[in-house]
């Protein structure tokens, strides 16, 4: 199933996308698409609904982030061998983990703000993994049992803040609007092989990223298991699993976002995003 949230920012309602592309309102069955709605039993109840009986949402409403109340937004750095190569970095021996502030999360088509003082704001299409039940010390063999589904993430990054202002990468990753997620949370039964999905990102109509999740260094089951050894993963947590090559930093010379630019990006089976860039 393809779950989503629609409506004005801060007052979104839960919904799903039916087979004909209509948005169906789920608010008579759940309050929102928070972690409690993502437990396997809760998802099973939603999957058993008669979709045709759900109200159709008219018009073309704004889509919000596909998960509400995310507790942890975890990101994996340099997790694509070809992306590591374009940035001149070595493939890490273990996953590089950094956290992105949940206040950065916005809808898939909301504007992206270039922060004040930025000279190097960049794009990164990424496969997001949404946790569906608490995971602590889980094995790699069992790890996907703890996944509710997948979504598109755009890991917007300010490279100078990230690399030249000391401390952790979080500085360049957590600015307001730097975490578009959605349009949908696609349940894992619809994505039989998340490690073989086409991914792309265009800026102003030019295709910069044209890759696949098959070039991940650390695949999804390993990442879920690995992170669960370090901390408990909770329903609604998001793992953004890295980006294929083609980011602005990797261009020769580098290309960075400016006000008026438009990003369009997507992942096979998970939908697409479109963001206009404005000055913050």
C-alpha atoms as a PDB file:
ATOM      1  CA  UNK A   1       0.000   0.000   0.000  1.00  0.00           C
ATOM      2  CA  UNK A   2       1.002   3.613  -0.517  1.00  0.00           C
ATOM      3  CA  UNK A   3       0.295   5.727   2.533  1.00  0.00           C
ATOM      4  CA  UNK A   4       0.543   9.509   2.582  1.00  0.00           C
ATOM      5  CA  UNK A   5      -0.377  12.625   4.530  1.00  0.00           C
ATOM      6  CA  UNK A   6      -2.225  15.524   2.945  1.00  0.00           C
ATOM      7  CA  UNK A   7      -3.231  19.039   3.936  1.00  0.00           C
ATOM      8  CA  UNK A   8      -1.673  22.232   5.202  1.00  0.00           C
ATOM      9  CA  UNK A   9       1.593  22.026   7.111  1.00  0.00           C
ATOM     10  CA  UNK A  10       0.942  21.136  10.721  1.00  0.00           C
ATOM     11  CA  UNK A  11      -2.603  19.889  10.129  1.00  0.00           C
ATOM     12  CA  UNK A  12      -2.093  16.998   7.716  1.00  0.00           C
ATOM     13  CA  UNK A  13      -4.514  14.087   7.594  1.00  0.00           C
ATOM     14  CA  UNK A  14      -3.648  10.448   6.857  1.00  0.00           C
ATOM     15  CA  UNK A  15      -4.514   8.901   3.541  1.00  0.00           C
ATOM     16  CA  UNK A  16      -3.586   6.323   0.977  1.00  0.00           C
ATOM     17  CA  UNK A  17      -3.223   6.223  -2.778  1.00  0.00           C
ATOM     18  CA  UNK A  18      -5.650   3.851  -4.483  1.00  0.00           C
ATOM     19  CA  UNK A  19      -4.992   1.861  -7.656  1.00  0.00           C
ATOM     20  CA  UNK A  20      -6.421   4.660  -9.810  1.00  0.00           C
ATOM     21  CA  UNK A  21      -4.214   7.345  -8.288  1.00  0.00           C
ATOM     22  CA  UNK A  22      -6.919   8.840  -6.055  1.00  0.00           C
ATOM     23  CA  UNK A  23      -6.136   9.962  -2.524  1.00  0.00           C
ATOM     24  CA  UNK A  24      -8.410   8.226  -0.012  1.00  0.00           C
ATOM     25  CA  UNK A  25      -8.968   9.727   3.438  1.00  0.00           C
ATOM     26  CA  UNK A  26      -7.995   7.449   6.348  1.00  0.00           C
ATOM     27  CA  UNK A  27      -8.775   9.876   9.163  1.00  0.00           C
ATOM     28  CA  UNK A  28     -11.869   7.934  10.260  1.00  0.00           C
ATOM     29  CA  UNK A  29      -9.609   4.950  10.995  1.00  0.00           C
ATOM     30  CA  UNK A  30      -6.375   6.480  12.340  1.00  0.00           C
ATOM     31  CA  UNK A  31      -5.466   9.910  13.689  1.00  0.00           C
ATOM     32  CA  UNK A  32      -2.224  10.143  11.719  1.00  0.00           C
ATOM     33  CA  UNK A  33       0.579   8.089  10.203  1.00  0.00           C
ATOM     34  CA  UNK A  34       2.659   8.053  13.362  1.00  0.00           C
ATOM     35  CA  UNK A  35       4.729   5.190  14.682  1.00  0.00           C
ATOM     36  CA  UNK A  36       1.748   3.494  16.337  1.00  0.00           C
ATOM     37  CA  UNK A  37       0.053   3.185  12.936  1.00  0.00           C
ATOM     38  CA  UNK A  38       3.112   1.420  11.506  1.00  0.00           C
ATOM     39  CA  UNK A  39       3.232  -1.634  13.754  1.00  0.00           C
ATOM     40  CA  UNK A  40       2.596  -4.807  11.731  1.00  0.00           C
ATOM     41  CA  UNK A  41      -0.799  -5.397  13.329  1.00  0.00           C
ATOM     42  CA  UNK A  42      -1.906  -1.824  12.697  1.00  0.00           C
ATOM     43  CA  UNK A  43      -0.791  -1.970   9.067  1.00  0.00           C
ATOM     44  CA  UNK A  44      -2.610  -5.281   8.634  1.00  0.00           C
ATOM     45  CA  UNK A  45      -5.860  -3.661   9.796  1.00  0.00           C
ATOM     46  CA  UNK A  46      -5.409  -0.845   7.286  1.00  0.00           C
ATOM     47  CA  UNK A  47      -4.611  -3.326   4.517  1.00  0.00           C
ATOM     48  CA  UNK A  48      -7.903  -5.128   5.251  1.00  0.00           C
ATOM     49  CA  UNK A  49     -10.005  -1.995   4.687  1.00  0.00           C
ATOM     50  CA  UNK A  50     -12.341  -1.743   1.725  1.00  0.00           C
ATOM     51  CA  UNK A  51     -10.433   0.990  -0.097  1.00  0.00           C
ATOM     52  CA  UNK A  52     -13.365   1.799  -2.395  1.00  0.00           C
ATOM     53  CA  UNK A  53     -15.450   2.736   0.648  1.00  0.00           C
ATOM     54  CA  UNK A  54     -12.981   5.376   1.820  1.00  0.00           C
ATOM     55  CA  UNK A  55     -13.754   9.021   0.938  1.00  0.00           C
ATOM     56  CA  UNK A  56     -11.943  10.366  -2.121  1.00  0.00           C
ATOM     57  CA  UNK A  57     -10.043  13.586  -1.459  1.00  0.00           C
ATOM     58  CA  UNK A  58     -10.926  16.145  -4.109  1.00  0.00           C
ATOM     59  CA  UNK A  59      -8.590  18.603  -5.752  1.00  0.00           C
ATOM     60  CA  UNK A  60      -4.824  18.537  -5.569  1.00  0.00           C
ATOM     61  CA  UNK A  61      -3.930  18.916  -1.906  1.00  0.00           C
ATOM     62  CA  UNK A  62      -0.446  19.551  -0.613  1.00  0.00           C
ATOM     63  CA  UNK A  63       1.325  16.380   0.487  1.00  0.00           C
ATOM     64  CA  UNK A  64       3.102  16.467   3.812  1.00  0.00           C
ATOM     65  CA  UNK A  65       5.958  14.277   5.048  1.00  0.00           C
ATOM     66  CA  UNK A  66       4.798  10.680   4.696  1.00  0.00           C
ATOM     67  CA  UNK A  67       5.465   9.877   8.372  1.00  0.00           C
ATOM     68  CA  UNK A  68       4.414  12.004  11.349  1.00  0.00           C
ATOM     69  CA  UNK A  69       6.275  12.359  14.626  1.00  0.00           C
ATOM     70  CA  UNK A  70       9.565  10.844  13.488  1.00  0.00           C
ATOM     71  CA  UNK A  71      11.780  10.443  16.527  1.00  0.00           C
ATOM     72  CA  UNK A  72      15.114   9.803  14.796  1.00  0.00           C
ATOM     73  CA  UNK A  73      16.208  10.799  11.302  1.00  0.00           C
ATOM     74  CA  UNK A  74      19.377   8.769  10.766  1.00  0.00           C
ATOM     75  CA  UNK A  75      21.582   9.116   7.698  1.00  0.00           C
ATOM     76  CA  UNK A  76      24.335   6.948   6.272  1.00  0.00           C
ATOM     77  CA  UNK A  77      27.255   8.752   4.642  1.00  0.00           C
ATOM     78  CA  UNK A  78      29.317   7.554   1.672  1.00  0.00           C
ATOM     79  CA  UNK A  79      27.191   4.418   1.316  1.00  0.00           C
ATOM     80  CA  UNK A  80      27.476   4.222  -2.480  1.00  0.00           C
ATOM     81  CA  UNK A  81      30.851   3.182  -3.832  1.00  0.00           C
ATOM     82  CA  UNK A  82      30.491   5.350  -6.933  1.00  0.00           C
ATOM     83  CA  UNK A  83      29.470   8.398  -4.873  1.00  0.00           C
ATOM     84  CA  UNK A  84      32.461   7.936  -2.559  1.00  0.00           C
ATOM     85  CA  UNK A  85      34.683   7.852  -5.631  1.00  0.00           C
ATOM     86  CA  UNK A  86      33.288  11.101  -7.068  1.00  0.00           C
ATOM     87  CA  UNK A  87      33.957  12.930  -3.787  1.00  0.00           C
ATOM     88  CA  UNK A  88      37.482  11.517  -3.487  1.00  0.00           C
ATOM     89  CA  UNK A  89      36.640   9.604  -0.314  1.00  0.00           C
ATOM     90  CA  UNK A  90      37.435   6.025   0.569  1.00  0.00           C
ATOM     91  CA  UNK A  91      34.686   3.474   1.083  1.00  0.00           C
ATOM     92  CA  UNK A  92      34.226   3.262   4.873  1.00  0.00           C
ATOM     93  CA  UNK A  93      34.937   0.069   6.783  1.00  0.00           C
ATOM     94  CA  UNK A  94      31.739   0.571   8.803  1.00  0.00           C
ATOM     95  CA  UNK A  95      28.671   2.704   8.098  1.00  0.00           C
ATOM     96  CA  UNK A  96      29.160   6.421   8.684  1.00  0.00           C
ATOM     97  CA  UNK A  97      26.214   7.561  10.789  1.00  0.00           C
ATOM     98  CA  UNK A  98      25.025  11.109  11.296  1.00  0.00           C
ATOM     99  CA  UNK A  99      21.720  12.471  12.523  1.00  0.00           C
ATOM    100  CA  UNK A 100      19.559  14.963  10.705  1.00  0.00           C
ATOM    101  CA  UNK A 101      17.340  17.197  12.867  1.00  0.00           C
ATOM    102  CA  UNK A 102      13.697  16.180  12.601  1.00  0.00           C
ATOM    103  CA  UNK A 103      12.855  19.892  12.307  1.00  0.00           C
ATOM    104  CA  UNK A 104      14.345  19.683   8.789  1.00  0.00           C
ATOM    105  CA  UNK A 105      11.560  17.360   7.623  1.00  0.00           C
ATOM    106  CA  UNK A 106       9.124  18.839   5.090  1.00  0.00           C
ATOM    107  CA  UNK A 107       6.759  17.566   2.430  1.00  0.00           C
ATOM    108  CA  UNK A 108       7.961  16.194  -0.908  1.00  0.00           C
ATOM    109  CA  UNK A 109       6.976  19.274  -2.909  1.00  0.00           C
ATOM    110  CA  UNK A 110       7.550  21.994  -0.317  1.00  0.00           C
ATOM    111  CA  UNK A 111      10.080  24.740  -1.013  1.00  0.00           C
ATOM    112  CA  UNK A 112      13.686  24.238   0.044  1.00  0.00           C
ATOM    113  CA  UNK A 113      15.368  27.190   1.699  1.00  0.00           C
ATOM    114  CA  UNK A 114      19.010  28.073   1.139  1.00  0.00           C
ATOM    115  CA  UNK A 115      20.213  29.066   4.602  1.00  0.00           C
ATOM    116  CA  UNK A 116      21.719  32.477   5.196  1.00  0.00           C
ATOM    117  CA  UNK A 117      25.448  32.450   4.569  1.00  0.00           C
ATOM    118  CA  UNK A 118      25.275  29.340   2.390  1.00  0.00           C
ATOM    119  CA  UNK A 119      27.547  29.038  -0.632  1.00  0.00           C
ATOM    120  CA  UNK A 120      27.318  25.272  -1.226  1.00  0.00           C
ATOM    121  CA  UNK A 121      23.782  23.880  -0.833  1.00  0.00           C
ATOM    122  CA  UNK A 122      23.565  20.507  -2.577  1.00  0.00           C
ATOM    123  CA  UNK A 123      21.052  17.757  -3.450  1.00  0.00           C
ATOM    124  CA  UNK A 124      21.054  14.012  -2.668  1.00  0.00           C
ATOM    125  CA  UNK A 125      18.313  11.585  -3.694  1.00  0.00           C
ATOM    126  CA  UNK A 126      18.168   8.806  -1.100  1.00  0.00           C
ATOM    127  CA  UNK A 127      16.166   5.704  -0.275  1.00  0.00           C
ATOM    128  CA  UNK A 128      14.492   6.105   3.105  1.00  0.00           C
ATOM    129  CA  UNK A 129      13.750   3.101   5.320  1.00  0.00           C
ATOM    130  CA  UNK A 130      10.873   3.540   7.788  1.00  0.00           C
ATOM    131  CA  UNK A 131      10.937   1.423  10.931  1.00  0.00           C
ATOM    132  CA  UNK A 132       7.705  -0.401  11.829  1.00  0.00           C
ATOM    133  CA  UNK A 133       8.358  -1.946  15.262  1.00  0.00           C
ATOM    134  CA  UNK A 134      11.002  -1.563  17.978  1.00  0.00           C
ATOM    135  CA  UNK A 135      14.337  -3.017  16.928  1.00  0.00           C
ATOM    136  CA  UNK A 136      17.127  -3.714  19.412  1.00  0.00           C
ATOM    137  CA  UNK A 137      19.985  -6.126  18.819  1.00  0.00           C
ATOM    138  CA  UNK A 138      18.293  -7.672  15.789  1.00  0.00           C
ATOM    139  CA  UNK A 139      20.115  -9.975  13.412  1.00  0.00           C
ATOM    140  CA  UNK A 140      20.701  -9.145   9.775  1.00  0.00           C
ATOM    141  CA  UNK A 141      18.569 -12.172   8.835  1.00  0.00           C
ATOM    142  CA  UNK A 142      15.596 -10.777  10.770  1.00  0.00           C
ATOM    143  CA  UNK A 143      16.162  -7.080  10.145  1.00  0.00           C
ATOM    144  CA  UNK A 144      13.616  -6.538   7.377  1.00  0.00           C
ATOM    145  CA  UNK A 145      10.891  -7.834   9.697  1.00  0.00           C
ATOM    146  CA  UNK A 146      11.283  -4.524  11.529  1.00  0.00           C
ATOM    147  CA  UNK A 147      10.769  -2.369   8.427  1.00  0.00           C
ATOM    148  CA  UNK A 148       7.342  -0.881   7.676  1.00  0.00           C
ATOM    149  CA  UNK A 149       8.242   0.428   4.243  1.00  0.00           C
ATOM    150  CA  UNK A 150      10.259   2.799   2.124  1.00  0.00           C
ATOM    151  CA  UNK A 151      10.138   6.381   0.884  1.00  0.00           C
ATOM    152  CA  UNK A 152      12.042   8.956  -1.136  1.00  0.00           C
ATOM    153  CA  UNK A 153      14.267  11.360   0.810  1.00  0.00           C
ATOM    154  CA  UNK A 154      16.201  14.374  -0.440  1.00  0.00           C
ATOM    155  CA  UNK A 155      19.159  14.751   1.902  1.00  0.00           C
ATOM    156  CA  UNK A 156      19.802  18.438   1.235  1.00  0.00           C
ATOM    157  CA  UNK A 157      23.310  19.339   2.379  1.00  0.00           C
ATOM    158  CA  UNK A 158      25.258  22.546   2.861  1.00  0.00           C
ATOM    159  CA  UNK A 159      28.772  21.370   2.055  1.00  0.00           C
ATOM    160  CA  UNK A 160      30.697  24.232   3.663  1.00  0.00           C
ATOM    161  CA  UNK A 161      28.677  23.940   6.873  1.00  0.00           C
ATOM    162  CA  UNK A 162      29.246  20.179   6.715  1.00  0.00           C
ATOM    163  CA  UNK A 163      32.969  20.078   6.077  1.00  0.00           C
ATOM    164  CA  UNK A 164      34.534  23.440   6.933  1.00  0.00           C
ATOM    165  CA  UNK A 165      32.870  24.582  10.150  1.00  0.00           C
ATOM    166  CA  UNK A 166      34.292  21.926  12.465  1.00  0.00           C
ATOM    167  CA  UNK A 167      32.390  19.268  14.371  1.00  0.00           C
ATOM    168  CA  UNK A 168      29.923  16.830  12.917  1.00  0.00           C
ATOM    169  CA  UNK A 169      28.221  16.675   9.520  1.00  0.00           C
ATOM    170  CA  UNK A 170      24.942  17.463  11.289  1.00  0.00           C
ATOM    171  CA  UNK A 171      25.665  21.201  10.914  1.00  0.00           C
ATOM    172  CA  UNK A 172      25.366  20.973   7.149  1.00  0.00           C
ATOM    173  CA  UNK A 173      22.454  18.530   7.128  1.00  0.00           C
ATOM    174  CA  UNK A 174      19.892  19.915   9.560  1.00  0.00           C
ATOM    175  CA  UNK A 175      18.920  23.354   8.249  1.00  0.00           C
ATOM    176  CA  UNK A 176      15.207  24.046   7.953  1.00  0.00           C
ATOM    177  CA  UNK A 177      13.604  22.288   4.925  1.00  0.00           C
ATOM    178  CA  UNK A 178      16.676  20.061   4.389  1.00  0.00           C
ATOM    179  CA  UNK A 179      14.668  16.828   4.733  1.00  0.00           C
ATOM    180  CA  UNK A 180      11.884  16.430   2.141  1.00  0.00           C
ATOM    181  CA  UNK A 181      10.292  12.990   2.563  1.00  0.00           C
ATOM    182  CA  UNK A 182       7.582  11.252   0.553  1.00  0.00           C
ATOM    183  CA  UNK A 183       5.353  11.476  -1.399  1.00  0.00           C
ATOM    184  CA  UNK A 184       4.387   8.050  -0.058  1.00  0.00           C
ATOM    185  CA  UNK A 185       5.331   5.498   2.516  1.00  0.00           C
ATOM    186  CA  UNK A 186       5.269   2.355   0.375  1.00  0.00           C
ATOM    187  CA  UNK A 187       4.865  -0.819   2.411  1.00  0.00           C
ATOM    188  CA  UNK A 188       7.618  -3.376   2.011  1.00  0.00           C
ATOM    189  CA  UNK A 189       5.364  -5.958   0.354  1.00  0.00           C
ATOM    190  CA  UNK A 190       5.287  -3.695  -2.732  1.00  0.00           C
ATOM    191  CA  UNK A 191       9.091  -3.437  -2.885  1.00  0.00           C
ATOM    192  CA  UNK A 192      10.440  -7.003  -3.041  1.00  0.00           C
ATOM    193  CA  UNK A 193      14.067  -5.909  -3.626  1.00  0.00           C
ATOM    194  CA  UNK A 194      14.859  -2.470  -2.185  1.00  0.00           C
ATOM    195  CA  UNK A 195      18.504  -3.015  -3.049  1.00  0.00           C
ATOM    196  CA  UNK A 196      17.810  -2.818  -6.783  1.00  0.00           C
ATOM    197  CA  UNK A 197      15.843   0.380  -7.396  1.00  0.00           C
ATOM    198  CA  UNK A 198      16.559   3.028 -10.015  1.00  0.00           C
ATOM    199  CA  UNK A 199      17.134   6.505  -8.534  1.00  0.00           C
ATOM    200  CA  UNK A 200      17.384   9.884 -10.234  1.00  0.00           C
ATOM    201  CA  UNK A 201      17.616  13.614  -9.577  1.00  0.00           C
ATOM    202  CA  UNK A 202      17.253  16.485 -12.057  1.00  0.00           C
ATOM    203  CA  UNK A 203      18.080  20.130 -11.364  1.00  0.00           C
ATOM    204  CA  UNK A 204      16.553  22.643 -13.773  1.00  0.00           C
ATOM    205  CA  UNK A 205      15.772  19.798 -16.162  1.00  0.00           C
ATOM    206  CA  UNK A 206      19.338  18.447 -16.264  1.00  0.00           C
ATOM    207  CA  UNK A 207      19.820  14.876 -15.040  1.00  0.00           C
ATOM    208  CA  UNK A 208      22.644  14.895 -12.501  1.00  0.00           C
ATOM    209  CA  UNK A 209      21.945  11.678 -10.599  1.00  0.00           C
ATOM    210  CA  UNK A 210      21.046   8.494 -12.460  1.00  0.00           C
ATOM    211  CA  UNK A 211      21.911   5.551 -10.237  1.00  0.00           C
ATOM    212  CA  UNK A 212      20.613   2.504  -8.440  1.00  0.00           C
ATOM    213  CA  UNK A 213      20.382   1.260  -4.884  1.00  0.00           C
ATOM    214  CA  UNK A 214      22.258  -1.842  -6.037  1.00  0.00           C
ATOM    215  CA  UNK A 215      25.557   0.069  -5.635  1.00  0.00           C
ATOM    216  CA  UNK A 216      25.047   0.498  -1.890  1.00  0.00           C
ATOM    217  CA  UNK A 217      28.078  -0.540   0.133  1.00  0.00           C
ATOM    218  CA  UNK A 218      26.006  -1.572   3.169  1.00  0.00           C
ATOM    219  CA  UNK A 219      22.580  -2.896   2.222  1.00  0.00           C
ATOM    220  CA  UNK A 220      19.352  -2.269   4.062  1.00  0.00           C
ATOM    221  CA  UNK A 221      19.137  -5.389   6.229  1.00  0.00           C
ATOM    222  CA  UNK A 222      22.717  -4.861   7.370  1.00  0.00           C
ATOM    223  CA  UNK A 223      22.058  -1.193   8.201  1.00  0.00           C
ATOM    224  CA  UNK A 224      18.948  -1.931  10.270  1.00  0.00           C
ATOM    225  CA  UNK A 225      20.792  -4.642  12.175  1.00  0.00           C
ATOM    226  CA  UNK A 226      23.910  -2.486  12.615  1.00  0.00           C
ATOM    227  CA  UNK A 227      22.028   0.527  13.950  1.00  0.00           C
ATOM    228  CA  UNK A 228      19.964  -1.667  16.283  1.00  0.00           C
ATOM    229  CA  UNK A 229      23.194  -2.698  18.003  1.00  0.00           C
ATOM    230  CA  UNK A 230      23.830   0.962  18.853  1.00  0.00           C
ATOM    231  CA  UNK A 231      20.349   2.186  19.801  1.00  0.00           C
ATOM    232  CA  UNK A 232      16.751   1.029  19.820  1.00  0.00           C
ATOM    233  CA  UNK A 233      15.005   1.877  16.566  1.00  0.00           C
ATOM    234  CA  UNK A 234      11.391   2.934  17.062  1.00  0.00           C
ATOM    235  CA  UNK A 235       8.384   2.880  14.731  1.00  0.00           C
ATOM    236  CA  UNK A 236       8.411   6.004  12.596  1.00  0.00           C
ATOM    237  CA  UNK A 237      12.194   6.399  12.700  1.00  0.00           C
ATOM    238  CA  UNK A 238      13.726   6.986   9.263  1.00  0.00           C
ATOM    239  CA  UNK A 239      17.067   5.750   7.943  1.00  0.00           C
ATOM    240  CA  UNK A 240      18.233   7.670   4.877  1.00  0.00           C
ATOM    241  CA  UNK A 241      20.622   5.222   3.275  1.00  0.00           C
ATOM    242  CA  UNK A 242      22.989   7.297   1.138  1.00  0.00           C
ATOM    243  CA  UNK A 243      23.096   8.682  -2.375  1.00  0.00           C
ATOM    244  CA  UNK A 244      24.390   7.580  -5.787  1.00  0.00           C
ATOM    245  CA  UNK A 245      26.845   9.763  -7.741  1.00  0.00           C
ATOM    246  CA  UNK A 246      25.921  13.018  -9.400  1.00  0.00           C
ATOM    247  CA  UNK A 247      25.688  15.435  -6.476  1.00  0.00           C
ATOM    248  CA  UNK A 248      26.667  19.046  -6.998  1.00  0.00           C
ATOM    249  CA  UNK A 249      29.886  18.600  -5.034  1.00  0.00           C
ATOM    250  CA  UNK A 250      31.019  15.963  -7.522  1.00  0.00           C
ATOM    251  CA  UNK A 251      30.706  18.165 -10.613  1.00  0.00           C
ATOM    252  CA  UNK A 252      33.779  19.716 -12.195  1.00  0.00           C
ATOM    253  CA  UNK A 253      33.558  22.505 -11.236  1.00  0.00           C
ATOM    254  CA  UNK A 254      31.043  21.981  -8.410  1.00  0.00           C
ATOM    255  CA  UNK A 255      27.454  23.111  -9.000  1.00  0.00           C
ATOM    256  CA  UNK A 256      25.340  24.307  -6.095  1.00  0.00           C
ATOM    257  CA  UNK A 257      21.730  25.347  -5.676  1.00  0.00           C
ATOM    258  CA  UNK A 258      20.596  28.945  -5.980  1.00  0.00           C
ATOM    259  CA  UNK A 259      17.208  30.659  -5.542  1.00  0.00           C
ATOM    260  CA  UNK A 260      14.894  29.843  -8.441  1.00  0.00           C
ATOM    261  CA  UNK A 261      16.339  26.402  -9.108  1.00  0.00           C
ATOM    262  CA  UNK A 262      13.991  23.413  -9.283  1.00  0.00           C
ATOM    263  CA  UNK A 263      14.873  19.908  -8.113  1.00  0.00           C
ATOM    264  CA  UNK A 264      12.926  16.879  -9.370  1.00  0.00           C
ATOM    265  CA  UNK A 265      13.864  13.466  -8.019  1.00  0.00           C
ATOM    266  CA  UNK A 266      12.455  10.016  -7.554  1.00  0.00           C
ATOM    267  CA  UNK A 267      12.988   6.328  -6.899  1.00  0.00           C
ATOM    268  CA  UNK A 268      11.485   3.406  -8.778  1.00  0.00           C
ATOM    269  CA  UNK A 269       8.206   2.373  -7.154  1.00  0.00           C
ATOM    270  CA  UNK A 270       8.347   5.094  -4.493  1.00  0.00           C
ATOM    271  CA  UNK A 271       7.185   8.164  -6.391  1.00  0.00           C
ATOM    272  CA  UNK A 272       8.818  11.514  -7.054  1.00  0.00           C
ATOM    273  CA  UNK A 273       9.392  14.906  -5.478  1.00  0.00           C
ATOM    274  CA  UNK A 274       9.636  18.459  -6.822  1.00  0.00           C
ATOM    275  CA  UNK A 275      11.093  21.342  -4.862  1.00  0.00           C
ATOM    276  CA  UNK A 276      11.603  24.973  -5.768  1.00  0.00           C
ATOM    277  CA  UNK A 277      14.599  26.635  -4.125  1.00  0.00           C
ATOM    278  CA  UNK A 278      14.193  29.934  -2.274  1.00  0.00           C
ATOM    279  CA  UNK A 279      16.457  32.101  -0.163  1.00  0.00           C
ATOM    280  CA  UNK A 280      16.008  31.513   3.561  1.00  0.00           C
END
